[in-house]
Amino acid sequence: MLDWDAIDTVLLDMDGTLLDLHFDNYFWLHYVPKNYAKFKRIKTYQAWAEIEPMMTAERGTLAWYSLDYWTEKLGIDIPTLKREIAHMISIRPHVIEFLTFLRESNKTVYLVTNAHSKSLAIKMEQTKLDPWFDKLLVSHDFGLPKEDPEFWSRLRKIHHYDPARTLLVDDTESVLASAQKAGIKHLLTLLQPDSRKEIRQTGLYRGIHHFDEVIPNTDKTIL
């Protein structure tokens, strides 16, 4: 169990942490190639063969997360495509209970995401999670992705959190590693970001399957 008395601020990732990553995996791996194939009048497998190296080249950068970048790069309206299947966006189990616990415990809670602001807007419209947070923070507004340790320093200058008394929950190890380098003490990951994929083995950081495992007075055990 986390030592909640030692935590004042909670930083929560969105995709794969609060929301099921299946939506994003389906969107980028299937829906985008399908629509790009229609636009280019080619086969879907040919579309993916074009898209995959473009995405690999930008992985971990702000461009990789930017809907505007991919709209321009691919010539198809990425935000519109996201809205077409927005009904697939889903909140992970026990998220609302966890957010309720954080509010009742008077924690400062920030949503901190690499997602583009247009993607964030679509997902908040669909899930109505935004009232649970003190702030919704988008890495694009800081000029760096969360994978860069300097991102956390820039965040701290504006929102003045104490790294030693801060918890970050994120499904991406490279993000957790950068936060650790920036001094954030409490780190937690998700073992099954995409509900359609297998549960991951525990890695460098403590992991949970669902948030009920870290809400006090439950019988779950953290890994």
Protein backbone atom coordinates (compact mmCIF):
# COMPACT_ATOMS: atom_id res chain seq x y z
CA MET A 1 0.00 0.00 0.00
CA LEU A 2 1.16 3.50 -0.77
CA ASP A 3 1.96 5.75 2.18
CA TRP A 4 -0.76 8.31 1.55
CA ASP A 5 0.34 10.42 4.51
CA ALA A 6 3.58 11.09 2.59
CA ILE A 7 1.78 12.25 -0.56
CA ASP A 8 0.29 15.71 -1.14
CA THR A 9 0.13 15.88 -4.94
CA VAL A 10 -1.01 13.22 -7.39
CA LEU A 11 -0.12 13.44 -11.09
CA LEU A 12 -2.23 11.15 -13.27
CA ASP A 13 -1.64 10.16 -16.86
CA MET A 14 -4.71 9.78 -19.09
CA ASP A 15 -4.38 7.17 -21.84
CA GLY A 16 -3.59 3.71 -20.49
CA THR A 17 -3.89 4.96 -16.91
CA LEU A 18 -7.33 6.49 -16.41
CA LEU A 19 -8.66 5.47 -19.82
CA ASP A 20 -8.43 2.12 -21.56
CA LEU A 21 -5.59 2.28 -24.09
CA HIS A 22 -7.56 0.01 -26.41
CA PHE A 23 -9.19 3.08 -27.99
CA ASP A 24 -5.87 4.65 -28.94
CA ASN A 25 -4.35 1.37 -30.13
CA TYR A 26 -7.38 0.65 -32.30
CA PHE A 27 -7.47 4.21 -33.61
CA TRP A 28 -3.82 4.47 -34.65
CA LEU A 29 -3.20 0.87 -35.68
CA HIS A 30 -6.46 0.19 -37.51
CA TYR A 31 -8.79 3.17 -38.01
CA VAL A 32 -6.17 5.64 -39.24
CA PRO A 33 -4.57 3.20 -41.73
CA LYS A 34 -8.05 2.23 -42.98
CA ASN A 35 -9.00 5.84 -43.68
CA TYR A 36 -5.56 6.74 -45.03
CA ALA A 37 -5.92 3.82 -47.46
CA LYS A 38 -9.26 5.22 -48.65
CA PHE A 39 -7.72 8.67 -49.09
CA LYS A 40 -4.72 7.34 -51.02
CA ARG A 41 -6.73 4.65 -52.84
CA ILE A 42 -4.40 1.91 -51.74
CA LYS A 43 -4.68 -1.27 -49.68
CA THR A 44 -4.78 -0.99 -45.90
CA TYR A 45 -1.54 -2.96 -45.52
CA GLN A 46 0.13 -0.54 -47.94
CA ALA A 47 -1.20 2.39 -45.91
CA TRP A 48 0.29 0.98 -42.72
CA ALA A 49 3.60 0.35 -44.48
CA GLU A 50 3.71 4.10 -45.20
CA ILE A 51 2.46 5.26 -41.80
CA GLU A 52 4.51 3.02 -39.50
CA PRO A 53 7.97 4.45 -40.32
CA MET A 54 6.61 8.00 -39.99
CA MET A 55 5.29 7.21 -36.52
CA THR A 56 8.43 5.36 -35.46
CA ALA A 57 10.53 8.38 -36.42
CA GLU A 58 8.49 10.66 -34.13
CA ARG A 59 7.99 8.33 -31.16
CA GLY A 60 8.55 10.09 -27.84
CA THR A 61 8.37 13.58 -29.37
CA LEU A 62 5.60 16.16 -29.18
CA ALA A 63 4.91 15.62 -32.89
CA TRP A 64 4.11 11.97 -32.20
CA TYR A 65 1.24 13.09 -29.95
CA SER A 66 0.02 16.02 -32.10
CA LEU A 67 -3.26 15.58 -33.97
CA ASP A 68 -2.48 18.68 -36.03
CA TYR A 69 0.89 17.23 -37.07
CA TRP A 70 -0.65 13.97 -38.28
CA THR A 71 -3.51 15.75 -40.00
CA GLU A 72 -0.98 17.71 -42.05
CA LYS A 73 1.40 14.77 -42.50
CA LEU A 74 -1.23 12.26 -43.66
CA GLY A 75 -3.71 14.62 -45.31
CA ILE A 76 -6.68 13.25 -43.35
CA ASP A 77 -8.62 14.98 -40.56
CA ILE A 78 -7.42 13.14 -37.45
CA PRO A 79 -9.67 14.94 -34.89
CA THR A 80 -12.75 14.22 -37.01
CA LEU A 81 -11.79 10.55 -37.24
CA LYS A 82 -11.39 10.43 -33.45
CA ARG A 83 -14.84 11.86 -32.96
CA GLU A 84 -16.30 9.25 -35.31
CA ILE A 85 -15.38 6.46 -32.89
CA ALA A 86 -15.40 8.45 -29.63
CA HIS A 87 -18.02 6.02 -28.29
CA MET A 88 -15.15 3.53 -27.89
CA ILE A 89 -13.41 5.71 -25.28
CA SER A 90 -13.82 4.09 -21.87
CA ILE A 91 -12.78 4.75 -18.28
CA ARG A 92 -10.73 2.01 -16.64
CA PRO A 93 -12.27 0.09 -13.70
CA HIS A 94 -12.26 1.76 -10.26
CA VAL A 95 -11.05 5.13 -11.58
CA ILE A 96 -14.03 7.03 -10.18
CA GLU A 97 -13.59 5.38 -6.78
CA PHE A 98 -9.92 6.34 -6.81
CA LEU A 99 -10.63 9.94 -7.78
CA THR A 100 -13.29 10.09 -5.06
CA PHE A 101 -10.75 8.87 -2.51
CA LEU A 102 -8.23 11.52 -3.63
CA ARG A 103 -10.78 14.29 -3.32
CA GLU A 104 -11.93 13.13 0.11
CA SER A 105 -8.27 12.98 1.16
CA ASN A 106 -7.72 16.60 0.07
CA LYS A 107 -4.94 15.71 -2.36
CA THR A 108 -3.99 18.09 -5.15
CA VAL A 109 -4.72 16.15 -8.33
CA TYR A 110 -3.45 17.06 -11.79
CA LEU A 111 -4.12 15.28 -15.04
CA VAL A 112 -0.76 15.37 -16.85
CA THR A 113 -0.90 14.09 -20.39
CA ASN A 114 1.13 14.00 -23.58
CA ALA A 115 -2.14 13.91 -25.49
CA HIS A 116 -2.81 16.81 -27.83
CA SER A 117 -5.31 19.37 -26.54
CA LYS A 118 -7.84 18.36 -29.21
CA SER A 119 -7.59 14.74 -28.11
CA LEU A 120 -7.95 15.78 -24.48
CA ALA A 121 -11.08 17.75 -25.32
CA ILE A 122 -12.68 14.80 -27.13
CA LYS A 123 -11.93 12.46 -24.24
CA MET A 124 -13.18 14.82 -21.55
CA GLU A 125 -16.38 15.40 -23.52
CA GLN A 126 -16.89 11.65 -23.66
CA THR A 127 -15.91 10.73 -20.09
CA LYS A 128 -16.77 13.89 -18.09
CA LEU A 129 -13.70 13.33 -15.90
CA ASP A 130 -12.42 16.91 -15.95
CA PRO A 131 -14.25 18.12 -12.78
CA TRP A 132 -12.20 15.68 -10.71
CA PHE A 133 -8.93 17.53 -11.36
CA ASP A 134 -7.44 20.72 -10.01
CA LYS A 135 -5.75 21.22 -13.39
CA LEU A 136 -5.64 19.57 -16.80
CA LEU A 137 -2.04 19.85 -18.00
CA VAL A 138 -0.93 19.15 -21.57
CA SER A 139 2.76 18.62 -22.31
CA HIS A 140 2.45 20.60 -25.57
CA ASP A 141 1.89 23.72 -23.44
CA PHE A 142 5.30 23.15 -21.81
CA GLY A 143 7.16 22.59 -25.06
CA LEU A 144 8.41 19.13 -24.06
CA PRO A 145 6.97 15.61 -23.76
CA LYS A 146 6.84 13.90 -20.38
CA GLU A 147 9.71 11.65 -21.49
CA ASP A 148 12.05 14.63 -21.01
CA PRO A 149 13.09 15.23 -17.35
CA GLU A 150 13.06 18.98 -18.01
CA PHE A 151 9.29 18.74 -18.51
CA TRP A 152 8.84 18.06 -14.79
CA SER A 153 11.03 21.02 -13.86
CA ARG A 154 8.95 23.31 -16.05
CA LEU A 155 5.79 21.90 -14.53
CA ARG A 156 7.13 22.46 -11.03
CA LYS A 157 7.99 26.11 -11.72
CA ILE A 158 4.35 26.81 -12.54
CA HIS A 159 2.49 24.52 -10.14
CA HIS A 160 5.00 24.30 -7.28
CA TYR A 161 4.62 20.66 -6.29
CA ASP A 162 7.09 19.01 -3.91
CA PRO A 163 8.68 16.07 -5.80
CA ALA A 164 9.38 14.26 -2.53
CA ARG A 165 5.67 14.32 -1.68
CA THR A 166 4.31 13.65 -5.16
CA LEU A 167 2.89 10.50 -6.73
CA LEU A 168 2.96 9.96 -10.50
CA VAL A 169 0.84 7.21 -12.02
CA ASP A 170 1.68 6.49 -15.67
CA ASP A 171 1.63 3.43 -17.92
CA THR A 172 4.86 4.35 -19.76
CA GLU A 173 8.20 3.39 -18.20
CA SER A 174 10.16 6.08 -20.06
CA VAL A 175 7.87 8.72 -18.55
CA LEU A 176 8.29 7.26 -15.06
CA ALA A 177 12.07 7.19 -15.57
CA SER A 178 12.16 10.86 -16.54
CA ALA A 179 10.01 11.78 -13.54
CA GLN A 180 12.33 9.78 -11.28
CA LYS A 181 15.32 11.71 -12.64
CA ALA A 182 13.43 14.91 -11.85
CA GLY A 183 13.10 13.80 -8.22
CA ILE A 184 9.51 12.56 -8.08
CA LYS A 185 9.57 10.01 -5.27
CA HIS A 186 6.38 7.99 -5.57
CA LEU A 187 5.96 6.17 -8.89
CA LEU A 188 3.33 3.69 -9.97
CA THR A 189 2.50 2.02 -13.27
CA LEU A 190 -0.39 0.06 -14.79
CA LEU A 191 0.05 -3.59 -15.69
CA GLN A 192 -2.70 -3.73 -18.32
CA PRO A 193 -3.08 -0.34 -20.06
CA ASP A 194 -5.00 -1.96 -22.93
CA SER A 195 -7.78 -4.24 -21.67
CA ARG A 196 -7.53 -6.35 -24.85
CA LYS A 197 -3.86 -7.16 -24.32
CA GLU A 198 -2.16 -9.41 -21.79
CA ILE A 199 -1.23 -8.18 -18.33
CA ARG A 200 2.37 -7.02 -18.33
CA GLN A 201 4.95 -8.48 -16.00
CA THR A 202 6.18 -6.12 -13.30
CA GLY A 203 9.16 -4.08 -14.45
CA LEU A 204 11.24 -1.32 -12.90
CA TYR A 205 8.28 0.28 -11.11
CA ARG A 206 5.57 -0.97 -8.81
CA GLY A 207 2.48 -1.88 -10.76
CA ILE A 208 -1.22 -2.35 -10.25
CA HIS A 209 -3.92 -3.92 -12.33
CA HIS A 210 -6.69 -1.57 -11.14
CA PHE A 211 -6.88 1.41 -8.79
CA ASP A 212 -8.79 -0.42 -6.08
CA GLU A 213 -5.42 -1.91 -5.15
CA VAL A 214 -4.20 1.43 -3.77
CA ILE A 215 -7.36 2.71 -2.13
CA PRO A 216 -7.11 2.21 1.65
CA ASN A 217 -9.40 -0.28 3.33
CA THR A 218 -9.42 -2.69 0.39
CA ASP A 219 -8.01 -6.19 0.46
CA LYS A 220 -5.93 -5.76 -2.72
CA THR A 221 -2.16 -6.05 -2.67
CA ILE A 222 0.22 -3.88 -4.69
CA LEU A 223 2.88 -5.65 -6.72
